Amino acid sequence: MGSTNAKKMAWRKRKTRIRKNIVSTAERPRLTVFRSTNHIYGQIVDDVTGTTLASACSNEKTVKEQPKFDSKVAKAVFIGKLLAQRALEKGVKKVVFDRNGFLYHGRIKAFSDGAREAGLDF
């Protein structure tokens, strides 16, 4: 394994490479996801105005009140569904998925599957 700094630089390179191909509009805002060691965060961002339309994360009060999850993957599915519900309340149905430099696997895939199940289109 490389050093932490080398990993972070590789992640930033992947993130930049992905972001230059993602085009979000007011009709199709960007759904971005961030994964840390213990938590997962999701935001729906309107890049035209630079505002966050909806967000959900695994360390907020509504998630902590839920019964304990079996795994971090199960928690990611729940967060994806929660974010999709909040987005649909704001009238956002279509989004562009930004995996933010992470591989589309594990918790990132579970997050997006949860958001799709709850009604988001991407």
Protein backbone atom coordinates (compact mmCIF):
# COMPACT_ATOMS: atom_id res chain seq x y z
CA MET A 1 0.00 0.00 0.00
CA GLY A 2 1.13 3.51 -0.75
CA SER A 3 1.18 6.39 1.64
CA THR A 4 -1.97 8.26 2.60
CA ASN A 5 -0.89 11.27 0.57
CA ALA A 6 -0.44 9.18 -2.59
CA LYS A 7 -3.90 7.64 -2.11
CA LYS A 8 -5.46 11.06 -1.66
CA MET A 9 -3.75 12.39 -4.78
CA ALA A 10 -4.99 9.39 -6.81
CA TRP A 11 -8.52 9.94 -5.48
CA ARG A 12 -8.39 13.63 -6.43
CA LYS A 13 -7.20 12.76 -9.93
CA ARG A 14 -10.09 10.31 -10.37
CA LYS A 15 -12.52 12.87 -8.96
CA THR A 16 -11.35 15.55 -11.41
CA ARG A 17 -11.46 13.14 -14.35
CA ILE A 18 -15.05 12.17 -13.51
CA ARG A 19 -16.28 15.70 -12.83
CA LYS A 20 -15.13 17.11 -16.16
CA ASN A 21 -17.52 14.70 -17.93
CA ILE A 22 -20.52 15.38 -15.70
CA VAL A 23 -22.80 18.16 -16.88
CA SER A 24 -25.55 19.20 -14.51
CA THR A 25 -28.34 21.61 -15.33
CA ALA A 26 -31.15 23.20 -13.36
CA GLU A 27 -33.47 20.44 -14.62
CA ARG A 28 -30.95 17.67 -13.80
CA PRO A 29 -28.92 18.61 -10.72
CA ARG A 30 -25.89 16.60 -9.58
CA LEU A 31 -26.23 13.87 -6.95
CA THR A 32 -22.84 13.66 -5.28
CA VAL A 33 -21.80 11.08 -2.72
CA PHE A 34 -18.91 11.04 -0.25
CA ARG A 35 -17.80 7.99 1.69
CA SER A 36 -15.63 8.16 4.77
CA THR A 37 -14.50 5.22 6.87
CA ASN A 38 -17.62 5.17 9.03
CA HIS A 39 -20.18 7.44 7.34
CA ILE A 40 -21.72 8.20 3.96
CA TYR A 41 -22.96 11.60 2.81
CA GLY A 42 -25.14 12.53 -0.16
CA GLN A 43 -26.10 15.89 -1.62
CA ILE A 44 -28.13 17.07 -4.55
CA VAL A 45 -26.44 20.20 -5.85
CA ASP A 46 -27.66 22.70 -8.44
CA ASP A 47 -24.40 23.77 -10.09
CA VAL A 48 -26.07 26.64 -11.96
CA THR A 49 -26.90 28.53 -8.75
CA GLY A 50 -24.38 26.75 -6.53
CA THR A 51 -26.96 25.65 -3.96
CA THR A 52 -27.63 22.37 -2.18
CA LEU A 53 -31.21 21.27 -2.81
CA ALA A 54 -31.28 18.22 -0.51
CA SER A 55 -28.83 16.30 1.63
CA ALA A 56 -28.65 13.25 3.87
CA CYS A 57 -25.87 11.69 5.91
CA SER A 58 -25.42 8.71 8.17
CA ASN A 59 -24.57 10.72 11.26
CA GLU A 60 -27.70 12.84 11.46
CA LYS A 61 -30.31 12.47 14.20
CA THR A 62 -33.02 10.79 12.08
CA VAL A 63 -30.60 8.01 11.09
CA LYS A 64 -29.29 7.47 14.61
CA GLU A 65 -32.89 7.00 15.84
CA GLN A 66 -33.28 4.02 13.47
CA PRO A 67 -32.60 0.49 14.75
CA LYS A 68 -28.97 -0.54 14.35
CA PHE A 69 -28.08 -1.45 10.78
CA ASP A 70 -26.58 -4.84 9.91
CA SER A 71 -23.75 -3.27 7.91
CA LYS A 72 -22.46 -0.03 6.43
CA VAL A 73 -23.90 -1.16 3.08
CA ALA A 74 -27.40 -1.42 4.60
CA LYS A 75 -26.94 2.04 6.07
CA ALA A 76 -25.92 3.36 2.63
CA VAL A 77 -29.13 1.99 1.08
CA PHE A 78 -31.16 3.73 3.79
CA ILE A 79 -29.33 7.05 3.24
CA GLY A 80 -29.92 6.80 -0.53
CA LYS A 81 -33.65 6.30 0.05
CA LEU A 82 -33.77 9.15 2.57
CA LEU A 83 -32.05 11.53 0.16
CA ALA A 84 -34.38 10.52 -2.67
CA GLN A 85 -37.44 11.18 -0.49
CA ARG A 86 -36.14 14.63 0.40
CA ALA A 87 -35.36 15.38 -3.25
CA LEU A 88 -38.82 14.28 -4.41
CA GLU A 89 -40.38 16.57 -1.78
CA LYS A 90 -38.45 19.46 -3.37
CA GLY A 91 -39.62 18.43 -6.86
CA VAL A 92 -36.34 16.91 -8.08
CA LYS A 93 -36.91 13.66 -10.00
CA LYS A 94 -33.97 13.46 -12.43
CA VAL A 95 -30.35 13.79 -11.38
CA VAL A 96 -26.84 13.17 -12.70
CA PHE A 97 -24.86 10.77 -10.49
CA ASP A 98 -21.40 11.90 -9.37
CA ARG A 99 -19.53 9.07 -7.66
CA ASN A 100 -16.90 11.60 -6.59
CA GLY A 101 -13.80 9.55 -7.44
CA PHE A 102 -14.97 6.39 -5.65
CA LEU A 103 -15.41 3.07 -7.43
CA TYR A 104 -19.01 2.20 -8.28
CA HIS A 105 -18.99 -0.73 -5.88
CA GLY A 106 -20.03 -1.55 -2.33
CA ARG A 107 -21.48 1.37 -0.40
CA ILE A 108 -21.49 3.74 -3.40
CA LYS A 109 -23.50 1.24 -5.46
CA ALA A 110 -25.82 0.53 -2.50
CA PHE A 111 -26.40 4.27 -2.04
CA SER A 112 -27.35 4.74 -5.70
CA ASP A 113 -29.57 1.63 -5.69
CA GLY A 114 -31.43 2.98 -2.65
CA ALA A 115 -31.95 6.33 -4.34
CA ARG A 116 -33.26 4.62 -7.49
CA GLU A 117 -35.63 2.43 -5.45
CA ALA A 118 -37.11 5.52 -3.81
CA GLY A 119 -37.87 7.13 -7.17
CA LEU A 120 -34.88 9.14 -8.41
CA ASP A 121 -34.04 8.79 -12.10
CA PHE A 122 -30.38 8.67 -13.17
